[in-house]
Amino acid sequence: MNTQEATIEALQNRIKYLEAHLHLALQVLNEIEDNSQTVIKSLEYQHQSQTIDIVPTSKIELPTFLHARSWKHNHPDVINYVDSRARLVAKAS
């Protein structure tokens, strides 16, 4: 066997080695992809199973103390701070 034939045989062996490792790497990547798809489907199922639809069966009304107009106008104990500052300025002068 001459030098050329030895070089060709070494390169062919190297190609076979690289092909085998490439094939193994593709198998690992396919398994990772399959596992990730399984996890994604599992998470989607868990998300769907945890969803609760809330449908009111009667009319919902806010309590009157939360209504802005009634709170501002129907409570005499609430001080209008703008007027009180104006009175303080008037009393000071």
PDB file of N, CA and C in Angstrom:
ATOM      1  N   MET A   1       0.859  -1.173   0.000  1.00  0.00           N
ATOM      2  CA  MET A   1       0.000   0.000   0.000  1.00  0.00           C
ATOM      3  C   MET A   1       0.904   1.235   0.000  1.00  0.00           C
ATOM      4  N   ASN A   2       0.649   2.113  -0.941  1.00  0.00           N
ATOM      5  CA  ASN A   2       1.465   3.317  -1.026  1.00  0.00           C
ATOM      6  C   ASN A   2       0.863   4.437  -0.171  1.00  0.00           C
ATOM      7  N   THR A   3       1.491   5.567  -0.179  1.00  0.00           N
ATOM      8  CA  THR A   3       1.095   6.690   0.665  1.00  0.00           C
ATOM      9  C   THR A   3      -0.281   7.222   0.292  1.00  0.00           C
ATOM     10  N   GLN A   4      -0.573   7.289  -1.002  1.00  0.00           N
ATOM     11  CA  GLN A   4      -1.879   7.784  -1.447  1.00  0.00           C
ATOM     12  C   GLN A   4      -3.002   6.884  -0.953  1.00  0.00           C
ATOM     13  N   GLU A   5      -2.824   5.597  -1.105  1.00  0.00           N
ATOM     14  CA  GLU A   5      -3.861   4.650  -0.677  1.00  0.00           C
ATOM     15  C   GLU A   5      -4.057   4.709   0.837  1.00  0.00           C
ATOM     16  N   ALA A   6      -2.970   4.875   1.583  1.00  0.00           N
ATOM     17  CA  ALA A   6      -3.059   4.983   3.046  1.00  0.00           C
ATOM     18  C   ALA A   6      -3.808   6.251   3.452  1.00  0.00           C
ATOM     19  N   THR A   7      -3.535   7.342   2.749  1.00  0.00           N
ATOM     20  CA  THR A   7      -4.215   8.608   3.036  1.00  0.00           C
ATOM     21  C   THR A   7      -5.701   8.493   2.735  1.00  0.00           C
ATOM     22  N   ILE A   8      -6.036   7.882   1.600  1.00  0.00           N
ATOM     23  CA  ILE A   8      -7.449   7.704   1.221  1.00  0.00           C
ATOM     24  C   ILE A   8      -8.160   6.828   2.241  1.00  0.00           C
ATOM     25  N   GLU A   9      -7.526   5.755   2.669  1.00  0.00           N
ATOM     26  CA  GLU A   9      -8.143   4.867   3.661  1.00  0.00           C
ATOM     27  C   GLU A   9      -8.326   5.586   4.999  1.00  0.00           C
ATOM     28  N   ALA A  10      -7.356   6.399   5.412  1.00  0.00           N
ATOM     29  CA  ALA A  10      -7.464   7.158   6.671  1.00  0.00           C
ATOM     30  C   ALA A  10      -8.606   8.171   6.593  1.00  0.00           C
ATOM     31  N   LEU A  11      -8.722   8.824   5.446  1.00  0.00           N
ATOM     32  CA  LEU A  11      -9.811   9.797   5.275  1.00  0.00           C
ATOM     33  C   LEU A  11     -11.174   9.113   5.254  1.00  0.00           C
ATOM     34  N   GLN A  12     -11.249   7.938   4.618  1.00  0.00           N
ATOM     35  CA  GLN A  12     -12.515   7.199   4.599  1.00  0.00           C
ATOM     36  C   GLN A  12     -12.911   6.752   6.012  1.00  0.00           C
ATOM     37  N   ASN A  13     -11.931   6.308   6.791  1.00  0.00           N
ATOM     38  CA  ASN A  13     -12.212   5.931   8.174  1.00  0.00           C
ATOM     39  C   ASN A  13     -12.676   7.136   8.996  1.00  0.00           C
ATOM     40  N   ARG A  14     -12.058   8.270   8.735  1.00  0.00           N
ATOM     41  CA  ARG A  14     -12.441   9.507   9.449  1.00  0.00           C
ATOM     42  C   ARG A  14     -13.864   9.901   9.075  1.00  0.00           C
ATOM     43  N   ILE A  15     -14.229   9.772   7.814  1.00  0.00           N
ATOM     44  CA  ILE A  15     -15.583  10.086   7.354  1.00  0.00           C
ATOM     45  C   ILE A  15     -16.596   9.159   8.024  1.00  0.00           C
ATOM     46  N   LYS A  16     -16.278   7.859   8.091  1.00  0.00           N
ATOM     47  CA  LYS A  16     -17.180   6.906   8.756  1.00  0.00           C
ATOM     48  C   LYS A  16     -17.360   7.267  10.234  1.00  0.00           C
ATOM     49  N   TYR A  17     -16.258   7.657  10.890  1.00  0.00           N
ATOM     50  CA  TYR A  17     -16.298   8.068  12.291  1.00  0.00           C
ATOM     51  C   TYR A  17     -17.199   9.291  12.476  1.00  0.00           C
ATOM     52  N   LEU A  18     -17.006  10.280  11.612  1.00  0.00           N
ATOM     53  CA  LEU A  18     -17.812  11.509  11.712  1.00  0.00           C
ATOM     54  C   LEU A  18     -19.283  11.239  11.402  1.00  0.00           C
ATOM     55  N   GLU A  19     -19.568  10.381  10.431  1.00  0.00           N
ATOM     56  CA  GLU A  19     -20.951  10.025  10.111  1.00  0.00           C
ATOM     57  C   GLU A  19     -21.635   9.332  11.288  1.00  0.00           C
ATOM     58  N   ALA A  20     -20.896   8.434  11.944  1.00  0.00           N
ATOM     59  CA  ALA A  20     -21.468   7.732  13.095  1.00  0.00           C
ATOM     60  C   ALA A  20     -21.803   8.713  14.218  1.00  0.00           C
ATOM     61  N   HIS A  21     -20.913   9.663  14.479  1.00  0.00           N
ATOM     62  CA  HIS A  21     -21.167  10.647  15.541  1.00  0.00           C
ATOM     63  C   HIS A  21     -22.273  11.622  15.151  1.00  0.00           C
ATOM     64  N   LEU A  22     -22.332  11.961  13.884  1.00  0.00           N
ATOM     65  CA  LEU A  22     -23.412  12.824  13.414  1.00  0.00           C
ATOM     66  C   LEU A  22     -24.754  12.121  13.570  1.00  0.00           C
ATOM     67  N   HIS A  23     -24.805  10.851  13.236  1.00  0.00           N
ATOM     68  CA  HIS A  23     -26.030  10.068  13.380  1.00  0.00           C
ATOM     69  C   HIS A  23     -26.451  10.003  14.853  1.00  0.00           C
ATOM     70  N   LEU A  24     -25.490   9.777  15.738  1.00  0.00           N
ATOM     71  CA  LEU A  24     -25.773   9.732  17.172  1.00  0.00           C
ATOM     72  C   LEU A  24     -26.285  11.087  17.672  1.00  0.00           C
ATOM     73  N   ALA A  25     -25.664  12.171  17.212  1.00  0.00           N
ATOM     74  CA  ALA A  25     -26.095  13.513  17.617  1.00  0.00           C
ATOM     75  C   ALA A  25     -27.515  13.804  17.135  1.00  0.00           C
ATOM     76  N   LEU A  26     -27.854  13.368  15.932  1.00  0.00           N
ATOM     77  CA  LEU A  26     -29.214  13.563  15.423  1.00  0.00           C
ATOM     78  C   LEU A  26     -30.234  12.779  16.239  1.00  0.00           C
ATOM     79  N   GLN A  27     -29.872  11.570  16.671  1.00  0.00           N
ATOM     80  CA  GLN A  27     -30.767  10.783  17.517  1.00  0.00           C
ATOM     81  C   GLN A  27     -31.029  11.498  18.845  1.00  0.00           C
ATOM     82  N   VAL A  28     -29.960  12.040  19.437  1.00  0.00           N
ATOM     83  CA  VAL A  28     -30.102  12.763  20.710  1.00  0.00           C
ATOM     84  C   VAL A  28     -30.982  13.997  20.526  1.00  0.00           C
ATOM     85  N   LEU A  29     -30.758  14.740  19.456  1.00  0.00           N
ATOM     86  CA  LEU A  29     -31.576  15.927  19.193  1.00  0.00           C
ATOM     87  C   LEU A  29     -33.043  15.564  18.969  1.00  0.00           C
ATOM     88  N   ASN A  30     -33.305  14.474  18.269  1.00  0.00           N
ATOM     89  CA  ASN A  30     -34.688  14.025  18.065  1.00  0.00           C
ATOM     90  C   ASN A  30     -35.351  13.655  19.382  1.00  0.00           C
ATOM     91  N   GLU A  31     -34.606  12.982  20.271  1.00  0.00           N
ATOM     92  CA  GLU A  31     -35.153  12.637  21.580  1.00  0.00           C
ATOM     93  C   GLU A  31     -35.448  13.892  22.398  1.00  0.00           C
ATOM     94  N   ILE A  32     -34.551  14.862  22.345  1.00  0.00           N
ATOM     95  CA  ILE A  32     -34.772  16.126  23.067  1.00  0.00           C
ATOM     96  C   ILE A  32     -36.017  16.823  22.529  1.00  0.00           C
ATOM     97  N   GLU A  33     -36.167  16.861  21.213  1.00  0.00           N
ATOM     98  CA  GLU A  33     -37.339  17.489  20.608  1.00  0.00           C
ATOM     99  C   GLU A  33     -38.625  16.773  21.016  1.00  0.00           C
ATOM    100  N   ASP A  34     -38.608  15.447  20.986  1.00  0.00           N
ATOM    101  CA  ASP A  34     -39.786  14.676  21.392  1.00  0.00           C
ATOM    102  C   ASP A  34     -40.135  14.936  22.851  1.00  0.00           C
ATOM    103  N   ASN A  35     -39.117  14.960  23.708  1.00  0.00           N
ATOM    104  CA  ASN A  35     -39.357  15.227  25.131  1.00  0.00           C
ATOM    105  C   ASN A  35     -39.911  16.626  25.351  1.00  0.00           C
ATOM    106  N   SER A  36     -39.379  17.601  24.627  1.00  0.00           N
ATOM    107  CA  SER A  36     -39.869  18.972  24.802  1.00  0.00           C
ATOM    108  C   SER A  36     -41.310  19.098  24.321  1.00  0.00           C
ATOM    109  N   GLN A  37     -41.657  18.417  23.233  1.00  0.00           N
ATOM    110  CA  GLN A  37     -43.041  18.443  22.757  1.00  0.00           C
ATOM    111  C   GLN A  37     -43.974  17.805  23.771  1.00  0.00           C
ATOM    112  N   THR A  38     -43.527  16.733  24.408  1.00  0.00           N
ATOM    113  CA  THR A  38     -44.324  16.070  25.439  1.00  0.00           C
ATOM    114  C   THR A  38     -44.544  17.005  26.620  1.00  0.00           C
ATOM    115  N   VAL A  39     -43.495  17.702  27.032  1.00  0.00           N
ATOM    116  CA  VAL A  39     -43.603  18.636  28.157  1.00  0.00           C
ATOM    117  C   VAL A  39     -44.540  19.787  27.800  1.00  0.00           C
ATOM    118  N   ILE A  40     -44.427  20.313  26.595  1.00  0.00           N
ATOM    119  CA  ILE A  40     -45.282  21.420  26.164  1.00  0.00           C
ATOM    120  C   ILE A  40     -46.746  20.985  26.170  1.00  0.00           C
ATOM    121  N   LYS A  41     -47.028  19.796  25.649  1.00  0.00           N
ATOM    122  CA  LYS A  41     -48.406  19.298  25.637  1.00  0.00           C
ATOM    123  C   LYS A  41     -48.919  19.104  27.053  1.00  0.00           C
ATOM    124  N   SER A  42     -48.066  18.609  27.943  1.00  0.00           N
ATOM    125  CA  SER A  42     -48.452  18.399  29.335  1.00  0.00           C
ATOM    126  C   SER A  42     -48.774  19.732  30.008  1.00  0.00           C
ATOM    127  N   LEU A  43     -47.938  20.740  29.760  1.00  0.00           N
ATOM    128  CA  LEU A  43     -48.175  22.062  30.352  1.00  0.00           C
ATOM    129  C   LEU A  43     -49.451  22.695  29.805  1.00  0.00           C
ATOM    130  N   GLU A  44     -49.712  22.526  28.504  1.00  0.00           N
ATOM    131  CA  GLU A  44     -50.940  23.054  27.916  1.00  0.00           C
ATOM    132  C   GLU A  44     -52.158  22.378  28.533  1.00  0.00           C
ATOM    133  N   TYR A  45     -52.079  21.069  28.746  1.00  0.00           N
ATOM    134  CA  TYR A  45     -53.192  20.340  29.356  1.00  0.00           C
ATOM    135  C   TYR A  45     -53.409  20.816  30.789  1.00  0.00           C
ATOM    136  N   GLN A  46     -52.318  20.995  31.554  1.00  0.00           N
ATOM    137  CA  GLN A  46     -52.454  21.475  32.931  1.00  0.00           C
ATOM    138  C   GLN A  46     -53.066  22.863  32.947  1.00  0.00           C
ATOM    139  N   HIS A  47     -52.642  23.718  32.026  1.00  0.00           N
ATOM    140  CA  HIS A  47     -53.178  25.076  31.969  1.00  0.00           C
ATOM    141  C   HIS A  47     -54.672  25.048  31.660  1.00  0.00           C
ATOM    142  N   GLN A  48     -55.080  24.206  30.731  1.00  0.00           N
ATOM    143  CA  GLN A  48     -56.490  24.107  30.373  1.00  0.00           C
ATOM    144  C   GLN A  48     -57.304  23.536  31.519  1.00  0.00           C
ATOM    145  N   SER A  49     -56.755  22.580  32.247  1.00  0.00           N
ATOM    146  CA  SER A  49     -57.520  21.945  33.318  1.00  0.00           C
ATOM    147  C   SER A  49     -57.641  22.850  34.537  1.00  0.00           C
ATOM    148  N   GLN A  50     -56.809  23.894  34.643  1.00  0.00           N
ATOM    149  CA  GLN A  50     -56.864  24.781  35.789  1.00  0.00           C
ATOM    150  C   GLN A  50     -57.712  26.021  35.524  1.00  0.00           C
ATOM    151  N   THR A  51     -58.268  26.155  34.347  1.00  0.00           N
ATOM    152  CA  THR A  51     -59.068  27.314  34.003  1.00  0.00           C
ATOM    153  C   THR A  51     -60.484  27.146  34.556  1.00  0.00           C
ATOM    154  N   ILE A  52     -60.977  28.195  35.204  1.00  0.00           N
ATOM    155  CA  ILE A  52     -62.328  28.175  35.751  1.00  0.00           C
ATOM    156  C   ILE A  52     -63.099  29.330  35.118  1.00  0.00           C
ATOM    157  N   ASP A  53     -64.243  29.028  34.553  1.00  0.00           N
ATOM    158  CA  ASP A  53     -65.100  30.077  34.006  1.00  0.00           C
ATOM    159  C   ASP A  53     -66.034  30.565  35.099  1.00  0.00           C
ATOM    160  N   ILE A  54     -66.056  31.880  35.303  1.00  0.00           N
ATOM    161  CA  ILE A  54     -66.943  32.467  36.302  1.00  0.00           C
ATOM    162  C   ILE A  54     -68.042  33.206  35.554  1.00  0.00           C
ATOM    163  N   VAL A  55     -69.261  32.768  35.773  1.00  0.00           N
ATOM    164  CA  VAL A  55     -70.404  33.365  35.106  1.00  0.00           C
ATOM    165  C   VAL A  55     -71.354  33.870  36.185  1.00  0.00           C
ATOM    166  N   PRO A  56     -71.596  35.181  36.244  1.00  0.00           N
ATOM    167  CA  PRO A  56     -72.517  35.698  37.265  1.00  0.00           C
ATOM    168  C   PRO A  56     -73.934  35.223  36.995  1.00  0.00           C
ATOM    169  N   THR A  57     -74.627  34.862  38.056  1.00  0.00           N
ATOM    170  CA  THR A  57     -76.003  34.388  37.916  1.00  0.00           C
ATOM    171  C   THR A  57     -77.014  35.474  38.259  1.00  0.00           C
ATOM    172  N   SER A  58     -76.538  36.581  38.806  1.00  0.00           N
ATOM    173  CA  SER A  58     -77.442  37.687  39.127  1.00  0.00           C
ATOM    174  C   SER A  58     -76.735  39.001  38.832  1.00  0.00           C
ATOM    175  N   LYS A  59     -77.498  40.099  38.911  1.00  0.00           N
ATOM    176  CA  LYS A  59     -76.939  41.410  38.631  1.00  0.00           C
ATOM    177  C   LYS A  59     -75.970  41.799  39.752  1.00  0.00           C
ATOM    178  N   ILE A  60     -74.830  42.332  39.381  1.00  0.00           N
ATOM    179  CA  ILE A  60     -73.826  42.731  40.362  1.00  0.00           C
ATOM    180  C   ILE A  60     -73.859  44.245  40.482  1.00  0.00           C
ATOM    181  N   GLU A  61     -74.023  44.728  41.713  1.00  0.00           N
ATOM    182  CA  GLU A  61     -74.049  46.171  41.961  1.00  0.00           C
ATOM    183  C   GLU A  61     -72.992  46.516  43.000  1.00  0.00           C
ATOM    184  N   LEU A  62     -72.371  47.675  42.821  1.00  0.00           N
ATOM    185  CA  LEU A  62     -71.402  48.129  43.802  1.00  0.00           C
ATOM    186  C   LEU A  62     -72.133  48.642  45.038  1.00  0.00           C
ATOM    187  N   PRO A  63     -71.548  48.492  46.208  1.00  0.00           N
ATOM    188  CA  PRO A  63     -72.147  49.094  47.398  1.00  0.00           C
ATOM    189  C   PRO A  63     -72.192  50.610  47.242  1.00  0.00           C
ATOM    190  N   THR A  64     -73.140  51.250  47.892  1.00  0.00           N
ATOM    191  CA  THR A  64     -73.320  52.698  47.694  1.00  0.00           C
ATOM    192  C   THR A  64     -72.128  53.496  48.188  1.00  0.00           C
ATOM    193  N   PHE A  65     -71.408  53.016  49.194  1.00  0.00           N
ATOM    194  CA  PHE A  65     -70.272  53.805  49.684  1.00  0.00           C
ATOM    195  C   PHE A  65     -69.113  53.831  48.688  1.00  0.00           C
ATOM    196  N   LEU A  66     -69.133  52.955  47.679  1.00  0.00           N
ATOM    197  CA  LEU A  66     -68.092  52.974  46.653  1.00  0.00           C
ATOM    198  C   LEU A  66     -68.476  53.849  45.467  1.00  0.00           C
ATOM    199  N   HIS A  67     -69.712  54.300  45.426  1.00  0.00           N
ATOM    200  CA  HIS A  67     -70.155  55.123  44.320  1.00  0.00           C
ATOM    201  C   HIS A  67     -69.564  56.516  44.506  1.00  0.00           C
ATOM    202  N   ALA A  68     -68.850  57.017  43.521  1.00  0.00           N
ATOM    203  CA  ALA A  68     -68.077  58.253  43.670  1.00  0.00           C
ATOM    204  C   ALA A  68     -68.961  59.448  44.006  1.00  0.00           C
ATOM    205  N   ARG A  69     -70.079  59.615  43.335  1.00  0.00           N
ATOM    206  CA  ARG A  69     -70.903  60.799  43.577  1.00  0.00           C
ATOM    207  C   ARG A  69     -71.524  60.775  44.968  1.00  0.00           C
ATOM    208  N   SER A  70     -72.044  59.633  45.382  1.00  0.00           N
ATOM    209  CA  SER A  70     -72.660  59.585  46.701  1.00  0.00           C
ATOM    210  C   SER A  70     -71.607  59.767  47.791  1.00  0.00           C
ATOM    211  N   TRP A  71     -70.404  59.284  47.559  1.00  0.00           N
ATOM    212  CA  TRP A  71     -69.353  59.436  48.564  1.00  0.00           C
ATOM    213  C   TRP A  71     -68.949  60.900  48.697  1.00  0.00           C
ATOM    214  N   LYS A  72     -68.859  61.615  47.580  1.00  0.00           N
ATOM    215  CA  LYS A  72     -68.433  63.014  47.629  1.00  0.00           C
ATOM    216  C   LYS A  72     -69.513  63.928  48.201  1.00  0.00           C
ATOM    217  N   HIS A  73     -70.777  63.666  47.892  1.00  0.00           N
ATOM    218  CA  HIS A  73     -71.812  64.630  48.226  1.00  0.00           C
ATOM    219  C   HIS A  73     -72.643  64.264  49.442  1.00  0.00           C
ATOM    220  N   ASN A  74     -72.696  63.005  49.818  1.00  0.00           N
ATOM    221  CA  ASN A  74     -73.588  62.605  50.892  1.00  0.00           C
ATOM    222  C   ASN A  74     -72.909  62.482  52.249  1.00  0.00           C
ATOM    223  N   HIS A  75     -71.655  62.875  52.363  1.00  0.00           N
ATOM    224  CA  HIS A  75     -70.953  62.756  53.636  1.00  0.00           C
ATOM    225  C   HIS A  75     -70.481  64.137  54.084  1.00  0.00           C
ATOM    226  N   PRO A  76     -71.193  64.758  55.026  1.00  0.00           N
ATOM    227  CA  PRO A  76     -70.829  66.115  55.457  1.00  0.00           C
ATOM    228  C   PRO A  76     -69.530  66.139  56.254  1.00  0.00           C
ATOM    229  N   ASP A  77     -69.101  65.011  56.822  1.00  0.00           N
ATOM    230  CA  ASP A  77     -67.876  64.993  57.612  1.00  0.00           C
ATOM    231  C   ASP A  77     -66.618  65.092  56.756  1.00  0.00           C
ATOM    232  N   VAL A  78     -66.747  64.931  55.432  1.00  0.00           N
ATOM    233  CA  VAL A  78     -65.603  65.047  54.539  1.00  0.00           C
ATOM    234  C   VAL A  78     -65.367  66.531  54.273  1.00  0.00           C
ATOM    235  N   ILE A  79     -64.136  66.970  54.534  1.00  0.00           N
ATOM    236  CA  ILE A  79     -63.808  68.390  54.405  1.00  0.00           C
ATOM    237  C   ILE A  79     -63.299  68.661  52.992  1.00  0.00           C
ATOM    238  N   ASN A  80     -63.760  69.751  52.421  1.00  0.00           N
ATOM    239  CA  ASN A  80     -63.241  70.187  51.130  1.00  0.00           C
ATOM    240  C   ASN A  80     -61.966  70.971  51.416  1.00  0.00           C
ATOM    241  N   TYR A  81     -60.822  70.371  51.123  1.00  0.00           N
ATOM    242  CA  TYR A  81     -59.545  70.952  51.505  1.00  0.00           C
ATOM    243  C   TYR A  81     -59.241  72.235  50.741  1.00  0.00           C
ATOM    244  N   VAL A  82     -59.744  72.386  49.537  1.00  0.00           N
ATOM    245  CA  VAL A  82     -59.500  73.612  48.781  1.00  0.00           C
ATOM    246  C   VAL A  82     -60.167  74.778  49.497  1.00  0.00           C
ATOM    247  N   ASP A  83     -61.431  74.610  49.925  1.00  0.00           N
ATOM    248  CA  ASP A  83     -62.138  75.673  50.639  1.00  0.00           C
ATOM    249  C   ASP A  83     -61.491  75.956  51.986  1.00  0.00           C
ATOM    250  N   SER A  84     -61.058  74.912  52.700  1.00  0.00           N
ATOM    251  CA  SER A  84     -60.474  75.126  54.024  1.00  0.00           C
ATOM    252  C   SER A  84     -59.160  75.894  53.920  1.00  0.00           C
ATOM    253  N   ARG A  85     -58.348  75.670  52.883  1.00  0.00           N
ATOM    254  CA  ARG A  85     -57.111  76.427  52.692  1.00  0.00           C
ATOM    255  C   ARG A  85     -57.434  77.889  52.383  1.00  0.00           C
ATOM    256  N   ALA A  86     -58.454  78.081  51.586  1.00  0.00           N
ATOM    257  CA  ALA A  86     -58.842  79.460  51.256  1.00  0.00           C
ATOM    258  C   ALA A  86     -59.289  80.188  52.522  1.00  0.00           C
ATOM    259  N   ARG A  87     -60.027  79.498  53.411  1.00  0.00           N
ATOM    260  CA  ARG A  87     -60.461  80.119  54.667  1.00  0.00           C
ATOM    261  C   ARG A  87     -59.267  80.441  55.557  1.00  0.00           C
ATOM    262  N   LEU A  88     -58.274  79.542  55.602  1.00  0.00           N
ATOM    263  CA  LEU A  88     -57.085  79.796  56.415  1.00  0.00           C
ATOM    264  C   LEU A  88     -56.332  81.026  55.925  1.00  0.00           C
ATOM    265  N   VAL A  89     -56.226  81.170  54.615  1.00  0.00           N
ATOM    266  CA  VAL A  89     -55.558  82.337  54.060  1.00  0.00           C
ATOM    267  C   VAL A  89     -56.349  83.600  54.389  1.00  0.00           C
ATOM    268  N   ALA A  90     -57.668  83.520  54.289  1.00  0.00           N
ATOM    269  CA  ALA A  90     -58.508  84.689  54.572  1.00  0.00           C
ATOM    270  C   ALA A  90     -58.405  85.061  56.052  1.00  0.00           C
ATOM    271  N   LYS A  91     -58.384  84.072  56.951  1.00  0.00           N
ATOM    272  CA  LYS A  91     -58.298  84.349  58.395  1.00  0.00           C
ATOM    273  C   LYS A  91     -56.925  84.916  58.746  1.00  0.00           C
ATOM    274  N   ALA A  92     -55.873  84.446  58.064  1.00  0.00           N
ATOM    275  CA  ALA A  92     -54.523  84.928  58.366  1.00  0.00           C
ATOM    276  C   ALA A  92     -54.326  86.361  57.935  1.00  0.00           C
ATOM    277  N   SER A  93     -55.048  86.817  56.950  1.00  0.00           N
ATOM    278  CA  SER A  93     -54.845  88.183  56.454  1.00  0.00           C
ATOM    279  C   SER A  93     -55.825  89.100  57.090  1.00  0.00           C
TER     280      SER A  93
END
